[in-house]
Structures are given as C-alpha cells and as structure tokens.
Amino acid sequence: MKLDEMREKTVDELQSAIVDWKKDLFNYKLQLSTHKLENTALISKTKRLIAQAKTIIKEKANA
C-alpha cells in the first residue's frame, strides 16, 4: 500500500490494517525461525508499513 492510499483511509481502517500487518509479521517471523521464509524482505517491508500507518494516525490526530 502506498502512502497516498494510506492517507485516504480513515483511522479505523488504518488501525485494522495495522492489526492485519502485525499478524502477518508474526507469521513471517515464525517462518523465518523454521527456515521456511524465502523472501526475508517481507519482514522489513511489513515493519515499515506499520510505522507509516502509525505516523499517519498521529498526523490525523494532531490535525
């Protein structure tokens, strides 16, 4: 998801997306520990998405 798409979403939609991404991140870490994760870049991309969404939520709260 791109930043422009994130900014168009409501806070509730972003929070539900964060929950989904955290579940994905947990699964990626499990797969990494069992050596089944082939694309390790997914972990950092998911962390970045979570951070960006949290930042947008803060921006909307302060606006």
C-alpha atoms as a PDB file:
ATOM      1  CA  MET A   1       0.000   0.000   0.000  1.00  0.00           C
ATOM      2  CA  LYS A   2       1.334   3.411  -0.916  1.00  0.00           C
ATOM      3  CA  LEU A   3       1.348   6.449   1.342  1.00  0.00           C
ATOM      4  CA  ASP A   4      -1.280   8.239  -0.739  1.00  0.00           C
ATOM      5  CA  GLU A   5      -3.604   5.266  -0.348  1.00  0.00           C
ATOM      6  CA  MET A   6      -2.970   5.225   3.402  1.00  0.00           C
ATOM      7  CA  ARG A   7      -3.723   8.921   3.767  1.00  0.00           C
ATOM      8  CA  GLU A   8      -7.115   8.438   2.092  1.00  0.00           C
ATOM      9  CA  LYS A   9      -8.161   5.807   4.632  1.00  0.00           C
ATOM     10  CA  THR A  10      -9.850   6.565   7.937  1.00  0.00           C
ATOM     11  CA  VAL A  11      -8.185   5.999  11.295  1.00  0.00           C
ATOM     12  CA  ASP A  12     -10.302   2.898  11.925  1.00  0.00           C
ATOM     13  CA  GLU A  13      -9.312   1.404   8.578  1.00  0.00           C
ATOM     14  CA  LEU A  14      -5.649   2.087   9.306  1.00  0.00           C
ATOM     15  CA  GLN A  15      -5.888   0.508  12.749  1.00  0.00           C
ATOM     16  CA  SER A  16      -7.458  -2.633  11.320  1.00  0.00           C
ATOM     17  CA  ALA A  17      -4.728  -2.736   8.661  1.00  0.00           C
ATOM     18  CA  ILE A  18      -2.093  -2.469  11.405  1.00  0.00           C
ATOM     19  CA  VAL A  19      -3.629  -5.453  13.194  1.00  0.00           C
ATOM     20  CA  ASP A  20      -3.511  -7.461   9.963  1.00  0.00           C
ATOM     21  CA  TRP A  21       0.100  -6.464   9.295  1.00  0.00           C
ATOM     22  CA  LYS A  22       1.109  -7.413  12.837  1.00  0.00           C
ATOM     23  CA  LYS A  23      -0.399 -10.866  12.287  1.00  0.00           C
ATOM     24  CA  ASP A  24       1.496 -11.143   9.009  1.00  0.00           C
ATOM     25  CA  LEU A  25       4.707 -10.038  10.726  1.00  0.00           C
ATOM     26  CA  PHE A  26       4.262 -12.685  13.407  1.00  0.00           C
ATOM     27  CA  ASN A  27       3.768 -15.358  10.740  1.00  0.00           C
ATOM     28  CA  TYR A  28       6.833 -14.153   8.811  1.00  0.00           C
ATOM     29  CA  LYS A  29       8.956 -14.369  11.958  1.00  0.00           C
ATOM     30  CA  LEU A  30       7.713 -17.895  12.616  1.00  0.00           C
ATOM     31  CA  GLN A  31       8.520 -18.901   9.064  1.00  0.00           C
ATOM     32  CA  LEU A  32      11.956 -17.307   9.392  1.00  0.00           C
ATOM     33  CA  SER A  33      12.725 -19.272  12.539  1.00  0.00           C
ATOM     34  CA  THR A  34      11.736 -22.536  10.849  1.00  0.00           C
ATOM     35  CA  HIS A  35      13.715 -21.609   7.692  1.00  0.00           C
ATOM     36  CA  LYS A  36      10.603 -21.615   5.511  1.00  0.00           C
ATOM     37  CA  LEU A  37      10.552 -17.906   4.672  1.00  0.00           C
ATOM     38  CA  GLU A  38      12.059 -17.363   1.242  1.00  0.00           C
ATOM     39  CA  ASN A  39      11.677 -13.591   0.954  1.00  0.00           C
ATOM     40  CA  THR A  40      13.141 -12.082   4.124  1.00  0.00           C
ATOM     41  CA  ALA A  41      12.487  -8.564   2.830  1.00  0.00           C
ATOM     42  CA  LEU A  42       8.822  -9.076   3.749  1.00  0.00           C
ATOM     43  CA  ILE A  43       9.695  -8.567   7.415  1.00  0.00           C
ATOM     44  CA  SER A  44      11.221  -5.120   6.930  1.00  0.00           C
ATOM     45  CA  LYS A  45       8.514  -4.075   4.446  1.00  0.00           C
ATOM     46  CA  THR A  46       5.788  -5.043   6.898  1.00  0.00           C
ATOM     47  CA  LYS A  47       7.503  -3.195   9.748  1.00  0.00           C
ATOM     48  CA  ARG A  48       7.765  -0.124   7.531  1.00  0.00           C
ATOM     49  CA  LEU A  49       4.060  -0.299   6.633  1.00  0.00           C
ATOM     50  CA  ILE A  50       3.124  -0.489  10.316  1.00  0.00           C
ATOM     51  CA  ALA A  51       5.326   2.507  11.157  1.00  0.00           C
ATOM     52  CA  GLN A  52       3.948   4.565   8.268  1.00  0.00           C
ATOM     53  CA  ALA A  53       0.363   3.807   9.245  1.00  0.00           C
ATOM     54  CA  LYS A  54       1.032   4.748  12.870  1.00  0.00           C
ATOM     55  CA  THR A  55       2.606   8.017  11.722  1.00  0.00           C
ATOM     56  CA  ILE A  56      -0.426   8.872   9.582  1.00  0.00           C
ATOM     57  CA  ILE A  57      -2.737   8.118  12.519  1.00  0.00           C
ATOM     58  CA  LYS A  58      -0.720  10.545  14.683  1.00  0.00           C
ATOM     59  CA  GLU A  59      -0.833  13.183  11.940  1.00  0.00           C
ATOM     60  CA  LYS A  60      -4.612  12.879  11.713  1.00  0.00           C
ATOM     61  CA  ALA A  61      -4.952  13.082  15.497  1.00  0.00           C
ATOM     62  CA  ASN A  62      -2.876  16.265  15.651  1.00  0.00           C
ATOM     63  CA  ALA A  63      -4.614  17.944  12.699  1.00  0.00           C
END
